[in-house]
Amino acid sequence: MIEYQNDRPLRMVGGAHPESGELPPRTTTRWVARRKAQVVVAVESGRISLAEAMERYSLSQEEFQSWQRAMDRSGVAGLKIAAAQERHKRGRSSRPRLVLVTQ
């Protein structure tokens, strides 16, 4: 069983209180920052459990936790794909990349 606890204050997403009933549809395949934030807020506020969010949206625990860390660091803006790509680039080592060239 997956358990989730958090004692941080509830977050505001898109001007709406987390308990306003806004959750992305189960059929969501395009995860924009706002939708990711809605799921994180719903879990943190206790509206849905982490296990339910994972099942409902076919998320891994690692994926959800990465969304949560991004929100902790930079708010909803941290969930944007460009921000994630930039963080990934900064985290790479300074070694040159190997490129496989085929002809």
PDB file of N, CA and C in Angstrom:
ATOM      1  N   MET A   1       0.833  -1.188   0.000  1.00  0.00           N
ATOM      2  CA  MET A   1       0.000   0.000   0.000  1.00  0.00           C
ATOM      3  C   MET A   1       0.879   1.253   0.000  1.00  0.00           C
ATOM      4  N   ILE A   2       0.525   2.199  -0.828  1.00  0.00           N
ATOM      5  CA  ILE A   2       1.278   3.447  -0.917  1.00  0.00           C
ATOM      6  C   ILE A   2       0.613   4.465  -0.015  1.00  0.00           C
ATOM      7  N   GLU A   3       1.411   5.079   0.813  1.00  0.00           N
ATOM      8  CA  GLU A   3       0.877   6.079   1.743  1.00  0.00           C
ATOM      9  C   GLU A   3       1.525   7.415   1.451  1.00  0.00           C
ATOM     10  N   TYR A   4       0.752   8.477   1.588  1.00  0.00           N
ATOM     11  CA  TYR A   4       1.280   9.802   1.304  1.00  0.00           C
ATOM     12  C   TYR A   4       0.871  10.730   2.424  1.00  0.00           C
ATOM     13  N   GLN A   5       1.830  11.463   2.966  1.00  0.00           N
ATOM     14  CA  GLN A   5       1.525  12.445   4.007  1.00  0.00           C
ATOM     15  C   GLN A   5       2.295  13.710   3.719  1.00  0.00           C
ATOM     16  N   ASN A   6       1.684  14.821   4.051  1.00  0.00           N
ATOM     17  CA  ASN A   6       2.318  16.110   3.817  1.00  0.00           C
ATOM     18  C   ASN A   6       1.728  17.104   4.800  1.00  0.00           C
ATOM     19  N   ASP A   7       2.566  17.887   5.445  1.00  0.00           N
ATOM     20  CA  ASP A   7       2.059  18.869   6.393  1.00  0.00           C
ATOM     21  C   ASP A   7       2.231  20.300   5.892  1.00  0.00           C
ATOM     22  N   ARG A   8       2.554  20.449   4.598  1.00  0.00           N
ATOM     23  CA  ARG A   8       2.675  21.792   4.026  1.00  0.00           C
ATOM     24  C   ARG A   8       1.294  22.395   3.791  1.00  0.00           C
ATOM     25  N   PRO A   9       1.192  23.729   3.718  1.00  0.00           N
ATOM     26  CA  PRO A   9      -0.097  24.352   3.425  1.00  0.00           C
ATOM     27  C   PRO A   9      -0.574  23.981   2.020  1.00  0.00           C
ATOM     28  N   LEU A  10      -1.887  23.991   1.824  1.00  0.00           N
ATOM     29  CA  LEU A  10      -2.447  23.709   0.502  1.00  0.00           C
ATOM     30  C   LEU A  10      -2.002  24.773  -0.484  1.00  0.00           C
ATOM     31  N   ARG A  11      -1.862  24.386  -1.722  1.00  0.00           N
ATOM     32  CA  ARG A  11      -1.430  25.309  -2.769  1.00  0.00           C
ATOM     33  C   ARG A  11      -2.634  25.805  -3.547  1.00  0.00           C
ATOM     34  N   MET A  12      -2.487  26.966  -4.130  1.00  0.00           N
ATOM     35  CA  MET A  12      -3.494  27.508  -5.030  1.00  0.00           C
ATOM     36  C   MET A  12      -3.024  27.237  -6.454  1.00  0.00           C
ATOM     37  N   VAL A  13      -3.901  26.729  -7.297  1.00  0.00           N
ATOM     38  CA  VAL A  13      -3.552  26.427  -8.680  1.00  0.00           C
ATOM     39  C   VAL A  13      -4.542  27.118  -9.591  1.00  0.00           C
ATOM     40  N   GLY A  14      -4.044  27.972 -10.454  1.00  0.00           N
ATOM     41  CA  GLY A  14      -4.901  28.631 -11.426  1.00  0.00           C
ATOM     42  C   GLY A  14      -5.992  29.473 -10.795  1.00  0.00           C
ATOM     43  N   GLY A  15      -5.750  30.014  -9.596  1.00  0.00           N
ATOM     44  CA  GLY A  15      -6.714  30.874  -8.950  1.00  0.00           C
ATOM     45  C   GLY A  15      -7.841  30.133  -8.246  1.00  0.00           C
ATOM     46  N   ALA A  16      -7.863  28.819  -8.346  1.00  0.00           N
ATOM     47  CA  ALA A  16      -8.935  28.041  -7.716  1.00  0.00           C
ATOM     48  C   ALA A  16      -8.397  27.321  -6.486  1.00  0.00           C
ATOM     49  N   HIS A  17      -9.234  27.192  -5.487  1.00  0.00           N
ATOM     50  CA  HIS A  17      -8.851  26.430  -4.307  1.00  0.00           C
ATOM     51  C   HIS A  17      -8.762  24.968  -4.694  1.00  0.00           C
ATOM     52  N   PRO A  18      -7.813  24.231  -4.162  1.00  0.00           N
ATOM     53  CA  PRO A  18      -7.630  22.833  -4.539  1.00  0.00           C
ATOM     54  C   PRO A  18      -8.881  21.976  -4.374  1.00  0.00           C
ATOM     55  N   GLU A  19      -9.759  22.335  -3.478  1.00  0.00           N
ATOM     56  CA  GLU A  19     -10.943  21.511  -3.243  1.00  0.00           C
ATOM     57  C   GLU A  19     -12.116  21.905  -4.134  1.00  0.00           C
ATOM     58  N   SER A  20     -11.849  22.687  -5.174  1.00  0.00           N
ATOM     59  CA  SER A  20     -12.920  23.159  -6.044  1.00  0.00           C
ATOM     60  C   SER A  20     -13.477  22.072  -6.941  1.00  0.00           C
ATOM     61  N   GLY A  21     -12.907  20.878  -6.916  1.00  0.00           N
ATOM     62  CA  GLY A  21     -13.426  19.788  -7.723  1.00  0.00           C
ATOM     63  C   GLY A  21     -12.749  19.654  -9.069  1.00  0.00           C
ATOM     64  N   GLU A  22     -11.767  20.492  -9.338  1.00  0.00           N
ATOM     65  CA  GLU A  22     -11.097  20.442 -10.626  1.00  0.00           C
ATOM     66  C   GLU A  22     -10.012  19.367 -10.637  1.00  0.00           C
ATOM     67  N   LEU A  23     -10.245  18.354 -11.429  1.00  0.00           N
ATOM     68  CA  LEU A  23      -9.236  17.330 -11.681  1.00  0.00           C
ATOM     69  C   LEU A  23      -9.196  17.095 -13.178  1.00  0.00           C
ATOM     70  N   PRO A  24      -8.030  16.808 -13.713  1.00  0.00           N
ATOM     71  CA  PRO A  24      -7.972  16.502 -15.141  1.00  0.00           C
ATOM     72  C   PRO A  24      -8.808  15.252 -15.442  1.00  0.00           C
ATOM     73  N   PRO A  25      -9.319  15.140 -16.658  1.00  0.00           N
ATOM     74  CA  PRO A  25     -10.074  13.925 -17.021  1.00  0.00           C
ATOM     75  C   PRO A  25      -9.181  12.691 -16.950  1.00  0.00           C
ATOM     76  N   ARG A  26      -9.796  11.552 -16.697  1.00  0.00           N
ATOM     77  CA  ARG A  26      -9.049  10.288 -16.649  1.00  0.00           C
ATOM     78  C   ARG A  26      -8.330  10.006 -17.961  1.00  0.00           C
ATOM     79  N   THR A  27      -8.850  10.530 -19.039  1.00  0.00           N
ATOM     80  CA  THR A  27      -8.302  10.256 -20.366  1.00  0.00           C
ATOM     81  C   THR A  27      -7.164  11.202 -20.754  1.00  0.00           C
ATOM     82  N   THR A  28      -6.686  12.005 -19.823  1.00  0.00           N
ATOM     83  CA  THR A  28      -5.636  12.979 -20.118  1.00  0.00           C
ATOM     84  C   THR A  28      -4.381  12.275 -20.630  1.00  0.00           C
ATOM     85  N   THR A  29      -3.911  12.750 -21.778  1.00  0.00           N
ATOM     86  CA  THR A  29      -2.643  12.238 -22.319  1.00  0.00           C
ATOM     87  C   THR A  29      -1.641  13.367 -22.508  1.00  0.00           C
ATOM     88  N   ARG A  30      -2.114  14.585 -22.580  1.00  0.00           N
ATOM     89  CA  ARG A  30      -1.226  15.749 -22.735  1.00  0.00           C
ATOM     90  C   ARG A  30      -1.127  16.441 -21.379  1.00  0.00           C
ATOM     91  N   TRP A  31       0.022  16.283 -20.724  1.00  0.00           N
ATOM     92  CA  TRP A  31       0.195  16.767 -19.361  1.00  0.00           C
ATOM     93  C   TRP A  31       0.844  18.147 -19.342  1.00  0.00           C
ATOM     94  N   VAL A  32       0.025  19.177 -19.394  1.00  0.00           N
ATOM     95  CA  VAL A  32       0.524  20.545 -19.252  1.00  0.00           C
ATOM     96  C   VAL A  32       0.728  20.822 -17.765  1.00  0.00           C
ATOM     97  N   ALA A  33       1.470  21.867 -17.469  1.00  0.00           N
ATOM     98  CA  ALA A  33       1.829  22.185 -16.081  1.00  0.00           C
ATOM     99  C   ALA A  33       0.601  22.310 -15.182  1.00  0.00           C
ATOM    100  N   ARG A  34      -0.441  22.973 -15.650  1.00  0.00           N
ATOM    101  CA  ARG A  34      -1.639  23.190 -14.833  1.00  0.00           C
ATOM    102  C   ARG A  34      -2.288  21.866 -14.424  1.00  0.00           C
ATOM    103  N   ARG A  35      -2.359  20.913 -15.348  1.00  0.00           N
ATOM    104  CA  ARG A  35      -2.976  19.619 -15.028  1.00  0.00           C
ATOM    105  C   ARG A  35      -2.129  18.830 -14.037  1.00  0.00           C
ATOM    106  N   LYS A  36      -0.816  18.874 -14.221  1.00  0.00           N
ATOM    107  CA  LYS A  36       0.068  18.206 -13.264  1.00  0.00           C
ATOM    108  C   LYS A  36      -0.133  18.804 -11.880  1.00  0.00           C
ATOM    109  N   ALA A  37      -0.205  20.131 -11.817  1.00  0.00           N
ATOM    110  CA  ALA A  37      -0.393  20.815 -10.535  1.00  0.00           C
ATOM    111  C   ALA A  37      -1.721  20.427  -9.904  1.00  0.00           C
ATOM    112  N   GLN A  38      -2.766  20.287 -10.698  1.00  0.00           N
ATOM    113  CA  GLN A  38      -4.075  19.902 -10.154  1.00  0.00           C
ATOM    114  C   GLN A  38      -3.995  18.533  -9.482  1.00  0.00           C
ATOM    115  N   VAL A  39      -3.261  17.613 -10.079  1.00  0.00           N
ATOM    116  CA  VAL A  39      -3.121  16.276  -9.496  1.00  0.00           C
ATOM    117  C   VAL A  39      -2.310  16.346  -8.205  1.00  0.00           C
ATOM    118  N   VAL A  40      -1.205  17.073  -8.211  1.00  0.00           N
ATOM    119  CA  VAL A  40      -0.373  17.210  -7.008  1.00  0.00           C
ATOM    120  C   VAL A  40      -1.188  17.821  -5.877  1.00  0.00           C
ATOM    121  N   VAL A  41      -1.923  18.869  -6.174  1.00  0.00           N
ATOM    122  CA  VAL A  41      -2.728  19.542  -5.148  1.00  0.00           C
ATOM    123  C   VAL A  41      -3.823  18.614  -4.632  1.00  0.00           C
ATOM    124  N   ALA A  42      -4.448  17.859  -5.510  1.00  0.00           N
ATOM    125  CA  ALA A  42      -5.510  16.942  -5.084  1.00  0.00           C
ATOM    126  C   ALA A  42      -4.977  15.892  -4.122  1.00  0.00           C
ATOM    127  N   VAL A  43      -3.780  15.380  -4.391  1.00  0.00           N
ATOM    128  CA  VAL A  43      -3.176  14.382  -3.490  1.00  0.00           C
ATOM    129  C   VAL A  43      -2.761  15.042  -2.184  1.00  0.00           C
ATOM    130  N   GLU A  44      -2.110  16.198  -2.270  1.00  0.00           N
ATOM    131  CA  GLU A  44      -1.651  16.873  -1.054  1.00  0.00           C
ATOM    132  C   GLU A  44      -2.810  17.306  -0.165  1.00  0.00           C
ATOM    133  N   SER A  45      -3.935  17.655  -0.763  1.00  0.00           N
ATOM    134  CA  SER A  45      -5.080  18.108   0.028  1.00  0.00           C
ATOM    135  C   SER A  45      -5.916  16.944   0.547  1.00  0.00           C
ATOM    136  N   GLY A  46      -5.598  15.729   0.102  1.00  0.00           N
ATOM    137  CA  GLY A  46      -6.352  14.566   0.554  1.00  0.00           C
ATOM    138  C   GLY A  46      -7.613  14.298  -0.247  1.00  0.00           C
ATOM    139  N   ARG A  47      -7.851  15.049  -1.308  1.00  0.00           N
ATOM    140  CA  ARG A  47      -9.038  14.817  -2.143  1.00  0.00           C
ATOM    141  C   ARG A  47      -9.002  13.442  -2.770  1.00  0.00           C
ATOM    142  N   ILE A  48      -7.808  13.029  -3.222  1.00  0.00           N
ATOM    143  CA  ILE A  48      -7.620  11.675  -3.725  1.00  0.00           C
ATOM    144  C   ILE A  48      -6.323  11.152  -3.127  1.00  0.00           C
ATOM    145  N   SER A  49      -6.229   9.854  -3.047  1.00  0.00           N
ATOM    146  CA  SER A  49      -4.999   9.261  -2.505  1.00  0.00           C
ATOM    147  C   SER A  49      -3.952   9.175  -3.612  1.00  0.00           C
ATOM    148  N   LEU A  50      -2.710   9.008  -3.211  1.00  0.00           N
ATOM    149  CA  LEU A  50      -1.648   8.837  -4.187  1.00  0.00           C
ATOM    150  C   LEU A  50      -1.915   7.597  -5.027  1.00  0.00           C
ATOM    151  N   ALA A  51      -2.341   6.521  -4.387  1.00  0.00           N
ATOM    152  CA  ALA A  51      -2.633   5.289  -5.125  1.00  0.00           C
ATOM    153  C   ALA A  51      -3.735   5.517  -6.153  1.00  0.00           C
ATOM    154  N   GLU A  52      -4.769   6.270  -5.789  1.00  0.00           N
ATOM    155  CA  GLU A  52      -5.856   6.555  -6.721  1.00  0.00           C
ATOM    156  C   GLU A  52      -5.369   7.409  -7.889  1.00  0.00           C
ATOM    157  N   ALA A  53      -4.535   8.405  -7.601  1.00  0.00           N
ATOM    158  CA  ALA A  53      -3.988   9.253  -8.671  1.00  0.00           C
ATOM    159  C   ALA A  53      -3.131   8.428  -9.619  1.00  0.00           C
ATOM    160  N   MET A  54      -2.319   7.546  -9.063  1.00  0.00           N
ATOM    161  CA  MET A  54      -1.457   6.710  -9.885  1.00  0.00           C
ATOM    162  C   MET A  54      -2.286   5.806 -10.791  1.00  0.00           C
ATOM    163  N   GLU A  55      -3.327   5.229 -10.245  1.00  0.00           N
ATOM    164  CA  GLU A  55      -4.183   4.341 -11.044  1.00  0.00           C
ATOM    165  C   GLU A  55      -4.986   5.140 -12.067  1.00  0.00           C
ATOM    166  N   ARG A  56      -5.591   6.218 -11.622  1.00  0.00           N
ATOM    167  CA  ARG A  56      -6.463   7.031 -12.471  1.00  0.00           C
ATOM    168  C   ARG A  56      -5.735   7.575 -13.697  1.00  0.00           C
ATOM    169  N   TYR A  57      -4.468   8.002 -13.497  1.00  0.00           N
ATOM    170  CA  TYR A  57      -3.714   8.648 -14.566  1.00  0.00           C
ATOM    171  C   TYR A  57      -2.545   7.814 -15.087  1.00  0.00           C
ATOM    172  N   SER A  58      -2.463   6.563 -14.686  1.00  0.00           N
ATOM    173  CA  SER A  58      -1.373   5.669 -15.110  1.00  0.00           C
ATOM    174  C   SER A  58      -0.007   6.297 -14.845  1.00  0.00           C
ATOM    175  N   LEU A  59       0.170   6.783 -13.627  1.00  0.00           N
ATOM    176  CA  LEU A  59       1.426   7.418 -13.218  1.00  0.00           C
ATOM    177  C   LEU A  59       2.241   6.451 -12.377  1.00  0.00           C
ATOM    178  N   SER A  60       3.543   6.579 -12.464  1.00  0.00           N
ATOM    179  CA  SER A  60       4.399   5.859 -11.529  1.00  0.00           C
ATOM    180  C   SER A  60       4.577   6.754 -10.306  1.00  0.00           C
ATOM    181  N   GLN A  61       4.982   6.148  -9.215  1.00  0.00           N
ATOM    182  CA  GLN A  61       5.238   6.931  -8.015  1.00  0.00           C
ATOM    183  C   GLN A  61       6.376   7.919  -8.279  1.00  0.00           C
ATOM    184  N   GLU A  62       7.381   7.497  -9.033  1.00  0.00           N
ATOM    185  CA  GLU A  62       8.511   8.365  -9.349  1.00  0.00           C
ATOM    186  C   GLU A  62       8.068   9.577 -10.162  1.00  0.00           C
ATOM    187  N   GLU A  63       7.153   9.356 -11.115  1.00  0.00           N
ATOM    188  CA  GLU A  63       6.680  10.476 -11.932  1.00  0.00           C
ATOM    189  C   GLU A  63       5.931  11.488 -11.076  1.00  0.00           C
ATOM    190  N   PHE A  64       5.033  10.990 -10.218  1.00  0.00           N
ATOM    191  CA  PHE A  64       4.300  11.896  -9.344  1.00  0.00           C
ATOM    192  C   PHE A  64       5.267  12.669  -8.451  1.00  0.00           C
ATOM    193  N   GLN A  65       6.220  11.964  -7.867  1.00  0.00           N
ATOM    194  CA  GLN A  65       7.167  12.629  -6.972  1.00  0.00           C
ATOM    195  C   GLN A  65       8.010  13.667  -7.717  1.00  0.00           C
ATOM    196  N   SER A  66       8.315  13.420  -8.988  1.00  0.00           N
ATOM    197  CA  SER A  66       9.073  14.419  -9.754  1.00  0.00           C
ATOM    198  C   SER A  66       8.222  15.669  -9.967  1.00  0.00           C
ATOM    199  N   TRP A  67       6.922  15.498 -10.193  1.00  0.00           N
ATOM    200  CA  TRP A  67       6.015  16.645 -10.315  1.00  0.00           C
ATOM    201  C   TRP A  67       5.993  17.427  -9.005  1.00  0.00           C
ATOM    202  N   GLN A  68       5.909  16.691  -7.923  1.00  0.00           N
ATOM    203  CA  GLN A  68       5.845  17.320  -6.606  1.00  0.00           C
ATOM    204  C   GLN A  68       7.132  18.099  -6.298  1.00  0.00           C
ATOM    205  N   ARG A  69       8.278  17.509  -6.591  1.00  0.00           N
ATOM    206  CA  ARG A  69       9.557  18.205  -6.367  1.00  0.00           C
ATOM    207  C   ARG A  69       9.650  19.460  -7.227  1.00  0.00           C
ATOM    208  N   ALA A  70       9.212  19.365  -8.472  1.00  0.00           N
ATOM    209  CA  ALA A  70       9.255  20.526  -9.370  1.00  0.00           C
ATOM    210  C   ALA A  70       8.373  21.646  -8.832  1.00  0.00           C
ATOM    211  N   MET A  71       7.199  21.291  -8.311  1.00  0.00           N
ATOM    212  CA  MET A  71       6.311  22.303  -7.726  1.00  0.00           C
ATOM    213  C   MET A  71       6.916  22.897  -6.469  1.00  0.00           C
ATOM    214  N   ASP A  72       7.566  22.075  -5.672  1.00  0.00           N
ATOM    215  CA  ASP A  72       8.208  22.569  -4.450  1.00  0.00           C
ATOM    216  C   ASP A  72       9.301  23.584  -4.779  1.00  0.00           C
ATOM    217  N   ARG A  73      10.060  23.304  -5.823  1.00  0.00           N
ATOM    218  CA  ARG A  73      11.171  24.186  -6.209  1.00  0.00           C
ATOM    219  C   ARG A  73      10.698  25.468  -6.874  1.00  0.00           C
ATOM    220  N   SER A  74       9.755  25.345  -7.831  1.00  0.00           N
ATOM    221  CA  SER A  74       9.452  26.494  -8.685  1.00  0.00           C
ATOM    222  C   SER A  74       7.973  26.747  -8.911  1.00  0.00           C
ATOM    223  N   GLY A  75       7.109  26.115  -8.126  1.00  0.00           N
ATOM    224  CA  GLY A  75       5.675  26.313  -8.326  1.00  0.00           C
ATOM    225  C   GLY A  75       5.219  25.668  -9.627  1.00  0.00           C
ATOM    226  N   VAL A  76       4.069  26.105 -10.121  1.00  0.00           N
ATOM    227  CA  VAL A  76       3.501  25.536 -11.336  1.00  0.00           C
ATOM    228  C   VAL A  76       4.464  25.702 -12.511  1.00  0.00           C
ATOM    229  N   ALA A  77       5.194  26.800 -12.547  1.00  0.00           N
ATOM    230  CA  ALA A  77       6.148  27.035 -13.638  1.00  0.00           C
ATOM    231  C   ALA A  77       7.200  25.931 -13.695  1.00  0.00           C
ATOM    232  N   GLY A  78       7.528  25.337 -12.566  1.00  0.00           N
ATOM    233  CA  GLY A  78       8.518  24.269 -12.534  1.00  0.00           C
ATOM    234  C   GLY A  78       8.047  22.997 -13.199  1.00  0.00           C
ATOM    235  N   LEU A  79       6.744  22.897 -13.441  1.00  0.00           N
ATOM    236  CA  LEU A  79       6.185  21.714 -14.081  1.00  0.00           C
ATOM    237  C   LEU A  79       6.180  21.806 -15.600  1.00  0.00           C
ATOM    238  N   LYS A  80       6.543  22.940 -16.129  1.00  0.00           N
ATOM    239  CA  LYS A  80       6.571  23.083 -17.586  1.00  0.00           C
ATOM    240  C   LYS A  80       7.698  22.252 -18.154  1.00  0.00           C
ATOM    241  N   ILE A  81       7.462  21.651 -19.291  1.00  0.00           N
ATOM    242  CA  ILE A  81       8.444  20.744 -19.884  1.00  0.00           C
ATOM    243  C   ILE A  81       9.762  21.450 -20.175  1.00  0.00           C
ATOM    244  N   ALA A  82       9.712  22.704 -20.591  1.00  0.00           N
ATOM    245  CA  ALA A  82      10.951  23.438 -20.868  1.00  0.00           C
ATOM    246  C   ALA A  82      11.781  23.578 -19.601  1.00  0.00           C
ATOM    247  N   ALA A  83      11.128  23.809 -18.473  1.00  0.00           N
ATOM    248  CA  ALA A  83      11.853  23.925 -17.207  1.00  0.00           C
ATOM    249  C   ALA A  83      12.503  22.596 -16.848  1.00  0.00           C
ATOM    250  N   ALA A  84      11.794  21.508 -17.079  1.00  0.00           N
ATOM    251  CA  ALA A  84      12.339  20.189 -16.781  1.00  0.00           C
ATOM    252  C   ALA A  84      13.541  19.889 -17.670  1.00  0.00           C
ATOM    253  N   GLN A  85      13.444  20.259 -18.937  1.00  0.00           N
ATOM    254  CA  GLN A  85      14.559  20.027 -19.845  1.00  0.00           C
ATOM    255  C   GLN A  85      15.778  20.843 -19.427  1.00  0.00           C
ATOM    256  N   GLU A  86      15.555  22.070 -18.999  1.00  0.00           N
ATOM    257  CA  GLU A  86      16.665  22.917 -18.568  1.00  0.00           C
ATOM    258  C   GLU A  86      17.317  22.350 -17.307  1.00  0.00           C
ATOM    259  N   ARG A  87      16.517  21.883 -16.351  1.00  0.00           N
ATOM    260  CA  ARG A  87      17.064  21.271 -15.141  1.00  0.00           C
ATOM    261  C   ARG A  87      17.891  20.044 -15.505  1.00  0.00           C
ATOM    262  N   HIS A  88      17.381  19.271 -16.462  1.00  0.00           N
ATOM    263  CA  HIS A  88      18.076  18.062 -16.886  1.00  0.00           C
ATOM    264  C   HIS A  88      19.437  18.421 -17.494  1.00  0.00           C
ATOM    265  N   LYS A  89      19.468  19.465 -18.321  1.00  0.00           N
ATOM    266  CA  LYS A  89      20.724  19.901 -18.937  1.00  0.00           C
ATOM    267  C   LYS A  89      21.731  20.337 -17.879  1.00  0.00           C
ATOM    268  N   ARG A  90      21.272  21.101 -16.897  1.00  0.00           N
ATOM    269  CA  ARG A  90      22.172  21.586 -15.849  1.00  0.00           C
ATOM    270  C   ARG A  90      22.710  20.445 -15.010  1.00  0.00           C
ATOM    271  N   GLY A  91      21.938  19.372 -14.875  1.00  0.00           N
ATOM    272  CA  GLY A  91      22.343  18.248 -14.048  1.00  0.00           C
ATOM    273  C   GLY A  91      23.325  17.312 -14.726  1.00  0.00           C
ATOM    274  N   ARG A  92      23.519  17.453 -16.022  1.00  0.00           N
ATOM    275  CA  ARG A  92      24.444  16.580 -16.748  1.00  0.00           C
ATOM    276  C   ARG A  92      25.883  16.878 -16.356  1.00  0.00           C
ATOM    277  N   SER A  93      26.696  15.883 -16.485  1.00  0.00           N
ATOM    278  CA  SER A  93      28.117  16.092 -16.198  1.00  0.00           C
ATOM    279  C   SER A  93      28.738  16.903 -17.326  1.00  0.00           C
ATOM    280  N   SER A  94      29.940  17.378 -17.109  1.00  0.00           N
ATOM    281  CA  SER A  94      30.593  18.206 -18.116  1.00  0.00           C
ATOM    282  C   SER A  94      31.326  17.365 -19.157  1.00  0.00           C
ATOM    283  N   ARG A  95      31.222  16.038 -19.054  1.00  0.00           N
ATOM    284  CA  ARG A  95      31.875  15.186 -20.040  1.00  0.00           C
ATOM    285  C   ARG A  95      31.222  15.368 -21.406  1.00  0.00           C
ATOM    286  N   PRO A  96      31.992  15.271 -22.456  1.00  0.00           N
ATOM    287  CA  PRO A  96      31.397  15.397 -23.787  1.00  0.00           C
ATOM    288  C   PRO A  96      30.468  14.219 -24.066  1.00  0.00           C
ATOM    289  N   ARG A  97      29.434  14.494 -24.818  1.00  0.00           N
ATOM    290  CA  ARG A  97      28.490  13.438 -25.190  1.00  0.00           C
ATOM    291  C   ARG A  97      29.075  12.606 -26.301  1.00  0.00           C
ATOM    292  N   LEU A  98      28.819  11.325 -26.243  1.00  0.00           N
ATOM    293  CA  LEU A  98      29.227  10.439 -27.325  1.00  0.00           C
ATOM    294  C   LEU A  98      28.089  10.379 -28.324  1.00  0.00           C
ATOM    295  N   VAL A  99      28.418  10.504 -29.575  1.00  0.00           N
ATOM    296  CA  VAL A  99      27.409  10.478 -30.621  1.00  0.00           C
ATOM    297  C   VAL A  99      27.734   9.337 -31.569  1.00  0.00           C
ATOM    298  N   LEU A 100      26.767   8.474 -31.786  1.00  0.00           N
ATOM    299  CA  LEU A 100      26.948   7.358 -32.681  1.00  0.00           C
ATOM    300  C   LEU A 100      26.574   7.823 -34.093  1.00  0.00           C
ATOM    301  N   VAL A 101      27.501   7.720 -35.008  1.00  0.00           N
ATOM    302  CA  VAL A 101      27.253   8.123 -36.380  1.00  0.00           C
ATOM    303  C   VAL A 101      27.207   6.855 -37.230  1.00  0.00           C
ATOM    304  N   THR A 102      26.094   6.672 -37.908  1.00  0.00           N
ATOM    305  CA  THR A 102      25.971   5.514 -38.793  1.00  0.00           C
ATOM    306  C   THR A 102      25.813   5.996 -40.214  1.00  0.00           C
ATOM    307  N   GLN A 103      26.274   5.196 -41.129  1.00  0.00           N
ATOM    308  CA  GLN A 103      26.159   5.600 -42.548  1.00  0.00           C
ATOM    309  C   GLN A 103      25.377   4.594 -43.310  1.00  0.00           C
TER     310      GLN A 103
END
